[in-house]
Amino acid sequence: MTKGITRERIVTTALELLDDRGMDDLTVRALASRLDVRPAALYWHVRNKQELLDEMATEVMRRVAGAFAAVPLGDGWRDDLSAYARVLRAEYLPHRDGARIFSGTRITDPDVVRTKEPLFERWAAAGWKPADADDAVDLVTAFVVGFVIEEQARRQAAITDPARYSVGQRDAWLGDGVPLVKQAGHLQDDGEQRFERHLGIVLAGIAARSDA
């Protein structure tokens, strides 16, 4: 085992590499070069890129759990899920392709998964079944992951092509006869406003199911 190379250092450096170069250029070889070791030295800790992504996603979720634990309790499940969604997005956004590393990964730290227990206890006291609680968390997580992937992809694309999402060019491209489509496209509320609106729709769906 190479002296000084720990799993924690590997994950921290991998997140830095992700921020610098993005998901597509995050490789074990590139990470080994950043750490100034041979790729074989990393295989003591992570066997392949998927295992590396698992560890990276787990570290991000540790931060999510810590940040969420610091949020004051609200009045019920809606406040809990809203706070969770906002914390999750806030932890993904600082990392380039932060949400992409989460997709398809497996959390490797049981303590991260165990942090759901107090929520499930709280919701069970309000009449929720464990399966419904898990579905709600999974649904909100999937929404945030998808929202942030699109959000970050659009930001990266706009860096190289500032006119890519021009509303005026889109209107000209669409032509006449679609005033409502054009009106919707003029909302221009990417970011917080759109996130909160879409989150509200997701929560309304969960509420409708729980009421049923």
C-alpha atoms as a PDB file:
ATOM      1  CA  MET A   1       0.000   0.000   0.000  1.00  0.00           C
ATOM      2  CA  THR A   2       1.385   3.401  -0.969  1.00  0.00           C
ATOM      3  CA  LYS A   3       2.206   5.460   2.083  1.00  0.00           C
ATOM      4  CA  GLY A   4      -0.053   8.487   2.586  1.00  0.00           C
ATOM      5  CA  ILE A   5      -2.797   7.306   0.240  1.00  0.00           C
ATOM      6  CA  THR A   6      -6.038   6.849   2.139  1.00  0.00           C
ATOM      7  CA  ARG A   7      -9.596   6.399   0.926  1.00  0.00           C
ATOM      8  CA  GLU A   8     -10.455   9.816   2.353  1.00  0.00           C
ATOM      9  CA  ARG A   9      -7.634  11.490   0.424  1.00  0.00           C
ATOM     10  CA  ILE A  10      -8.624   9.646  -2.751  1.00  0.00           C
ATOM     11  CA  VAL A  11     -12.233  10.830  -2.484  1.00  0.00           C
ATOM     12  CA  THR A  12     -11.286  14.424  -1.662  1.00  0.00           C
ATOM     13  CA  THR A  13      -8.909  14.559  -4.617  1.00  0.00           C
ATOM     14  CA  ALA A  14     -11.456  12.891  -6.899  1.00  0.00           C
ATOM     15  CA  LEU A  15     -14.010  15.592  -6.046  1.00  0.00           C
ATOM     16  CA  GLU A  16     -11.403  18.255  -6.825  1.00  0.00           C
ATOM     17  CA  LEU A  17     -10.655  16.547 -10.134  1.00  0.00           C
ATOM     18  CA  LEU A  18     -14.366  16.404 -10.904  1.00  0.00           C
ATOM     19  CA  ASP A  19     -14.655  20.149 -10.316  1.00  0.00           C
ATOM     20  CA  ASP A  20     -11.703  20.835 -12.610  1.00  0.00           C
ATOM     21  CA  ARG A  21     -12.397  18.455 -15.467  1.00  0.00           C
ATOM     22  CA  GLY A  22     -15.935  17.085 -15.206  1.00  0.00           C
ATOM     23  CA  MET A  23     -17.389  13.613 -15.095  1.00  0.00           C
ATOM     24  CA  ASP A  24     -16.207  12.451 -18.523  1.00  0.00           C
ATOM     25  CA  ASP A  25     -12.550  13.104 -17.710  1.00  0.00           C
ATOM     26  CA  LEU A  26     -12.708  11.609 -14.235  1.00  0.00           C
ATOM     27  CA  THR A  27     -10.714   8.388 -14.564  1.00  0.00           C
ATOM     28  CA  VAL A  28      -8.631   6.275 -12.222  1.00  0.00           C
ATOM     29  CA  ARG A  29      -5.569   7.084 -14.320  1.00  0.00           C
ATOM     30  CA  ALA A  30      -6.211  10.838 -14.142  1.00  0.00           C
ATOM     31  CA  LEU A  31      -6.798  10.566 -10.397  1.00  0.00           C
ATOM     32  CA  ALA A  32      -3.551   8.623  -9.925  1.00  0.00           C
ATOM     33  CA  SER A  33      -1.697  11.322 -11.838  1.00  0.00           C
ATOM     34  CA  ARG A  34      -3.229  14.025  -9.622  1.00  0.00           C
ATOM     35  CA  LEU A  35      -2.138  12.071  -6.534  1.00  0.00           C
ATOM     36  CA  ASP A  36       1.294  11.404  -8.072  1.00  0.00           C
ATOM     37  CA  VAL A  37       1.023   7.632  -7.710  1.00  0.00           C
ATOM     38  CA  ARG A  38       0.665   4.683 -10.063  1.00  0.00           C
ATOM     39  CA  PRO A  39      -2.936   3.628 -10.850  1.00  0.00           C
ATOM     40  CA  ALA A  40      -2.266   0.277  -9.200  1.00  0.00           C
ATOM     41  CA  ALA A  41      -1.797   2.073  -5.869  1.00  0.00           C
ATOM     42  CA  LEU A  42      -5.433   3.160  -5.911  1.00  0.00           C
ATOM     43  CA  TYR A  43      -6.751  -0.364  -6.298  1.00  0.00           C
ATOM     44  CA  TRP A  44      -6.007  -1.038  -2.642  1.00  0.00           C
ATOM     45  CA  HIS A  45      -8.910   1.318  -1.923  1.00  0.00           C
ATOM     46  CA  VAL A  46     -11.161   1.452  -5.027  1.00  0.00           C
ATOM     47  CA  ARG A  47     -11.269  -1.390  -7.536  1.00  0.00           C
ATOM     48  CA  ASN A  48     -12.680   0.597 -10.451  1.00  0.00           C
ATOM     49  CA  LYS A  49     -14.350   3.854 -11.459  1.00  0.00           C
ATOM     50  CA  GLN A  50     -17.772   2.709 -10.269  1.00  0.00           C
ATOM     51  CA  GLU A  51     -16.453   2.031  -6.797  1.00  0.00           C
ATOM     52  CA  LEU A  52     -14.771   5.430  -6.855  1.00  0.00           C
ATOM     53  CA  LEU A  53     -18.085   7.065  -7.776  1.00  0.00           C
ATOM     54  CA  ASP A  54     -19.770   5.137  -4.950  1.00  0.00           C
ATOM     55  CA  GLU A  55     -17.305   6.623  -2.486  1.00  0.00           C
ATOM     56  CA  MET A  56     -17.658  10.113  -3.921  1.00  0.00           C
ATOM     57  CA  ALA A  57     -21.453   9.969  -3.773  1.00  0.00           C
ATOM     58  CA  THR A  58     -21.259   8.659  -0.219  1.00  0.00           C
ATOM     59  CA  GLU A  59     -19.066  11.573   0.832  1.00  0.00           C
ATOM     60  CA  VAL A  60     -21.489  14.069  -0.696  1.00  0.00           C
ATOM     61  CA  MET A  61     -24.381  12.353   1.087  1.00  0.00           C
ATOM     62  CA  ARG A  62     -22.479  12.551   4.393  1.00  0.00           C
ATOM     63  CA  ARG A  63     -22.371  16.298   3.876  1.00  0.00           C
ATOM     64  CA  VAL A  64     -26.072  16.311   3.003  1.00  0.00           C
ATOM     65  CA  ALA A  65     -26.876  14.392   6.185  1.00  0.00           C
ATOM     66  CA  GLY A  66     -24.819  16.813   8.281  1.00  0.00           C
ATOM     67  CA  ALA A  67     -26.381  19.881   6.716  1.00  0.00           C
ATOM     68  CA  PHE A  68     -29.888  18.453   6.977  1.00  0.00           C
ATOM     69  CA  ALA A  69     -29.382  17.596  10.650  1.00  0.00           C
ATOM     70  CA  ALA A  70     -28.664  21.282  11.292  1.00  0.00           C
ATOM     71  CA  VAL A  71     -31.987  22.400   9.774  1.00  0.00           C
ATOM     72  CA  PRO A  72     -34.660  23.112  12.437  1.00  0.00           C
ATOM     73  CA  LEU A  73     -37.599  20.702  12.341  1.00  0.00           C
ATOM     74  CA  GLY A  74     -40.651  21.972  10.500  1.00  0.00           C
ATOM     75  CA  ASP A  75     -44.323  21.189  10.977  1.00  0.00           C
ATOM     76  CA  GLY A  76     -44.382  17.833   9.207  1.00  0.00           C
ATOM     77  CA  TRP A  77     -43.334  15.719   6.249  1.00  0.00           C
ATOM     78  CA  ARG A  78     -43.747  18.512   3.677  1.00  0.00           C
ATOM     79  CA  ASP A  79     -41.333  20.783   5.532  1.00  0.00           C
ATOM     80  CA  ASP A  80     -38.948  17.850   6.055  1.00  0.00           C
ATOM     81  CA  LEU A  81     -38.881  16.894   2.371  1.00  0.00           C
ATOM     82  CA  SER A  82     -38.589  20.520   1.257  1.00  0.00           C
ATOM     83  CA  ALA A  83     -35.589  21.044   3.516  1.00  0.00           C
ATOM     84  CA  TYR A  84     -34.007  17.799   2.340  1.00  0.00           C
ATOM     85  CA  ALA A  85     -34.464  18.736  -1.325  1.00  0.00           C
ATOM     86  CA  ARG A  86     -32.891  22.165  -0.815  1.00  0.00           C
ATOM     87  CA  VAL A  87     -29.927  20.759   1.101  1.00  0.00           C
ATOM     88  CA  LEU A  88     -29.371  18.064  -1.520  1.00  0.00           C
ATOM     89  CA  ARG A  89     -29.343  20.598  -4.356  1.00  0.00           C
ATOM     90  CA  ALA A  90     -27.069  22.912  -2.383  1.00  0.00           C
ATOM     91  CA  GLU A  91     -24.513  20.115  -1.911  1.00  0.00           C
ATOM     92  CA  TYR A  92     -24.635  19.003  -5.561  1.00  0.00           C
ATOM     93  CA  LEU A  93     -24.361  22.418  -7.178  1.00  0.00           C
ATOM     94  CA  PRO A  94     -20.846  23.406  -6.012  1.00  0.00           C
ATOM     95  CA  HIS A  95     -19.388  20.339  -7.756  1.00  0.00           C
ATOM     96  CA  ARG A  96     -19.228  20.253 -11.505  1.00  0.00           C
ATOM     97  CA  ASP A  97     -21.427  17.322 -12.577  1.00  0.00           C
ATOM     98  CA  GLY A  98     -22.219  16.884  -8.884  1.00  0.00           C
ATOM     99  CA  ALA A  99     -25.594  15.268  -9.505  1.00  0.00           C
ATOM    100  CA  ARG A 100     -24.262  12.980 -12.242  1.00  0.00           C
ATOM    101  CA  ILE A 101     -21.920  11.206  -9.853  1.00  0.00           C
ATOM    102  CA  PHE A 102     -24.903  10.174  -7.748  1.00  0.00           C
ATOM    103  CA  SER A 103     -26.816   8.359 -10.493  1.00  0.00           C
ATOM    104  CA  GLY A 104     -26.465   4.590 -10.224  1.00  0.00           C
ATOM    105  CA  THR A 105     -24.206   4.696  -7.189  1.00  0.00           C
ATOM    106  CA  ARG A 106     -24.425   2.685  -3.981  1.00  0.00           C
ATOM    107  CA  ILE A 107     -23.970   4.338  -0.593  1.00  0.00           C
ATOM    108  CA  THR A 108     -21.085   2.588   1.183  1.00  0.00           C
ATOM    109  CA  ASP A 109     -21.503   4.040   4.670  1.00  0.00           C
ATOM    110  CA  PRO A 110     -24.404   2.525   6.669  1.00  0.00           C
ATOM    111  CA  ASP A 111     -24.453   5.558   8.953  1.00  0.00           C
ATOM    112  CA  VAL A 112     -25.578   7.675   5.999  1.00  0.00           C
ATOM    113  CA  VAL A 113     -28.551   5.402   5.355  1.00  0.00           C
ATOM    114  CA  ARG A 114     -29.334   5.200   9.077  1.00  0.00           C
ATOM    115  CA  THR A 115     -29.966   8.966   9.157  1.00  0.00           C
ATOM    116  CA  LYS A 116     -33.362   8.299   7.561  1.00  0.00           C
ATOM    117  CA  GLU A 117     -34.616   6.507  10.683  1.00  0.00           C
ATOM    118  CA  PRO A 118     -35.603   9.632  12.686  1.00  0.00           C
ATOM    119  CA  LEU A 119     -37.551  10.917   9.684  1.00  0.00           C
ATOM    120  CA  PHE A 120     -39.323   7.622   9.210  1.00  0.00           C
ATOM    121  CA  GLU A 121     -40.177   7.502  12.933  1.00  0.00           C
ATOM    122  CA  ARG A 122     -41.576  11.019  12.756  1.00  0.00           C
ATOM    123  CA  TRP A 123     -43.688  10.228   9.712  1.00  0.00           C
ATOM    124  CA  ALA A 124     -44.791   6.855  11.107  1.00  0.00           C
ATOM    125  CA  ALA A 125     -46.226   8.725  14.091  1.00  0.00           C
ATOM    126  CA  ALA A 126     -48.312  10.683  11.576  1.00  0.00           C
ATOM    127  CA  GLY A 127     -49.621   7.486  10.007  1.00  0.00           C
ATOM    128  CA  TRP A 128     -47.116   6.866   7.200  1.00  0.00           C
ATOM    129  CA  LYS A 129     -46.002   3.360   6.290  1.00  0.00           C
ATOM    130  CA  PRO A 130     -42.232   2.794   5.934  1.00  0.00           C
ATOM    131  CA  ALA A 131     -42.621   1.952   2.237  1.00  0.00           C
ATOM    132  CA  ASP A 132     -44.461   5.229   1.591  1.00  0.00           C
ATOM    133  CA  ALA A 133     -41.795   7.173   3.474  1.00  0.00           C
ATOM    134  CA  ASP A 134     -39.037   5.529   1.446  1.00  0.00           C
ATOM    135  CA  ASP A 135     -40.905   6.188  -1.800  1.00  0.00           C
ATOM    136  CA  ALA A 136     -41.248   9.860  -0.885  1.00  0.00           C
ATOM    137  CA  VAL A 137     -37.528  10.249  -0.162  1.00  0.00           C
ATOM    138  CA  ASP A 138     -36.597   8.363  -3.342  1.00  0.00           C
ATOM    139  CA  LEU A 139     -38.958  10.474  -5.437  1.00  0.00           C
ATOM    140  CA  VAL A 140     -37.630  13.774  -4.095  1.00  0.00           C
ATOM    141  CA  THR A 141     -34.046  12.549  -4.525  1.00  0.00           C
ATOM    142  CA  ALA A 142     -34.730  11.551  -8.146  1.00  0.00           C
ATOM    143  CA  PHE A 143     -36.314  14.944  -8.806  1.00  0.00           C
ATOM    144  CA  VAL A 144     -33.347  16.843  -7.377  1.00  0.00           C
ATOM    145  CA  VAL A 145     -30.798  14.688  -9.211  1.00  0.00           C
ATOM    146  CA  GLY A 146     -32.555  15.181 -12.535  1.00  0.00           C
ATOM    147  CA  PHE A 147     -33.129  18.900 -11.975  1.00  0.00           C
ATOM    148  CA  VAL A 148     -29.499  19.569 -11.062  1.00  0.00           C
ATOM    149  CA  ILE A 149     -28.104  17.451 -13.921  1.00  0.00           C
ATOM    150  CA  GLU A 150     -30.096  19.591 -16.369  1.00  0.00           C
ATOM    151  CA  GLU A 151     -29.250  22.781 -14.480  1.00  0.00           C
ATOM    152  CA  GLN A 152     -25.519  22.100 -14.535  1.00  0.00           C
ATOM    153  CA  ALA A 153     -25.516  20.904 -18.152  1.00  0.00           C
ATOM    154  CA  ARG A 154     -27.188  24.126 -19.275  1.00  0.00           C
ATOM    155  CA  ARG A 155     -24.713  26.227 -17.312  1.00  0.00           C
ATOM    156  CA  GLN A 156     -21.733  24.437 -18.841  1.00  0.00           C
ATOM    157  CA  ALA A 157     -23.171  24.714 -22.357  1.00  0.00           C
ATOM    158  CA  ALA A 158     -23.851  28.435 -21.907  1.00  0.00           C
ATOM    159  CA  ILE A 159     -20.202  29.040 -21.028  1.00  0.00           C
ATOM    160  CA  THR A 160     -19.039  28.015 -24.498  1.00  0.00           C
ATOM    161  CA  ASP A 161     -22.131  29.299 -26.346  1.00  0.00           C
ATOM    162  CA  PRO A 162     -23.781  32.239 -24.512  1.00  0.00           C
ATOM    163  CA  ALA A 163     -26.508  32.527 -27.173  1.00  0.00           C
ATOM    164  CA  ARG A 164     -27.479  28.855 -26.964  1.00  0.00           C
ATOM    165  CA  TYR A 165     -30.598  29.521 -24.915  1.00  0.00           C
ATOM    166  CA  SER A 166     -31.524  32.900 -26.419  1.00  0.00           C
ATOM    167  CA  VAL A 167     -35.280  33.447 -26.084  1.00  0.00           C
ATOM    168  CA  GLY A 168     -35.320  35.756 -29.085  1.00  0.00           C
ATOM    169  CA  GLN A 169     -33.623  33.205 -31.319  1.00  0.00           C
ATOM    170  CA  ARG A 170     -36.010  30.520 -30.051  1.00  0.00           C
ATOM    171  CA  ASP A 171     -39.024  32.682 -30.917  1.00  0.00           C
ATOM    172  CA  ALA A 172     -37.728  33.238 -34.443  1.00  0.00           C
ATOM    173  CA  TRP A 173     -37.029  29.527 -34.838  1.00  0.00           C
ATOM    174  CA  LEU A 174     -40.539  28.598 -33.702  1.00  0.00           C
ATOM    175  CA  GLY A 175     -42.223  31.002 -36.112  1.00  0.00           C
ATOM    176  CA  ASP A 176     -45.829  32.125 -35.893  1.00  0.00           C
ATOM    177  CA  GLY A 177     -48.875  30.374 -34.482  1.00  0.00           C
ATOM    178  CA  VAL A 178     -47.540  29.265 -31.085  1.00  0.00           C
ATOM    179  CA  PRO A 179     -48.048  32.271 -28.768  1.00  0.00           C
ATOM    180  CA  LEU A 180     -48.599  30.129 -25.662  1.00  0.00           C
ATOM    181  CA  VAL A 181     -45.443  28.102 -26.235  1.00  0.00           C
ATOM    182  CA  LYS A 182     -43.505  31.338 -26.661  1.00  0.00           C
ATOM    183  CA  GLN A 183     -45.077  32.839 -23.531  1.00  0.00           C
ATOM    184  CA  ALA A 184     -44.057  29.818 -21.483  1.00  0.00           C
ATOM    185  CA  GLY A 185     -40.529  30.060 -22.864  1.00  0.00           C
ATOM    186  CA  HIS A 186     -40.289  33.662 -21.703  1.00  0.00           C
ATOM    187  CA  LEU A 187     -40.571  32.727 -18.032  1.00  0.00           C
ATOM    188  CA  GLN A 188     -36.772  32.732 -17.819  1.00  0.00           C
ATOM    189  CA  ASP A 189     -36.882  31.517 -14.234  1.00  0.00           C
ATOM    190  CA  ASP A 190     -34.071  28.994 -14.221  1.00  0.00           C
ATOM    191  CA  GLY A 191     -32.646  28.401 -10.770  1.00  0.00           C
ATOM    192  CA  GLU A 192     -34.335  28.950  -7.436  1.00  0.00           C
ATOM    193  CA  GLN A 193     -37.771  29.983  -8.700  1.00  0.00           C
ATOM    194  CA  ARG A 194     -38.122  27.052 -11.099  1.00  0.00           C
ATOM    195  CA  PHE A 195     -36.731  24.625  -8.531  1.00  0.00           C
ATOM    196  CA  GLU A 196     -39.227  25.694  -5.893  1.00  0.00           C
ATOM    197  CA  ARG A 197     -42.123  25.550  -8.336  1.00  0.00           C
ATOM    198  CA  HIS A 198     -41.235  22.063  -9.539  1.00  0.00           C
ATOM    199  CA  LEU A 199     -40.594  20.873  -5.978  1.00  0.00           C
ATOM    200  CA  GLY A 200     -44.045  22.110  -5.033  1.00  0.00           C
ATOM    201  CA  ILE A 201     -45.572  20.010  -7.808  1.00  0.00           C
ATOM    202  CA  VAL A 202     -43.696  16.917  -6.600  1.00  0.00           C
ATOM    203  CA  LEU A 203     -44.818  17.480  -3.022  1.00  0.00           C
ATOM    204  CA  ALA A 204     -48.405  18.027  -4.138  1.00  0.00           C
ATOM    205  CA  GLY A 205     -48.286  14.618  -5.821  1.00  0.00           C
ATOM    206  CA  ILE A 206     -46.972  12.992  -2.656  1.00  0.00           C
ATOM    207  CA  ALA A 207     -49.696  14.741  -0.642  1.00  0.00           C
ATOM    208  CA  ALA A 208     -52.391  13.471  -3.009  1.00  0.00           C
ATOM    209  CA  ARG A 209     -51.137   9.915  -2.606  1.00  0.00           C
ATOM    210  CA  SER A 210     -50.895  10.147   1.179  1.00  0.00           C
ATOM    211  CA  ASP A 211     -54.411  11.586   1.377  1.00  0.00           C
ATOM    212  CA  ALA A 212     -55.707   8.681  -0.689  1.00  0.00           C
END
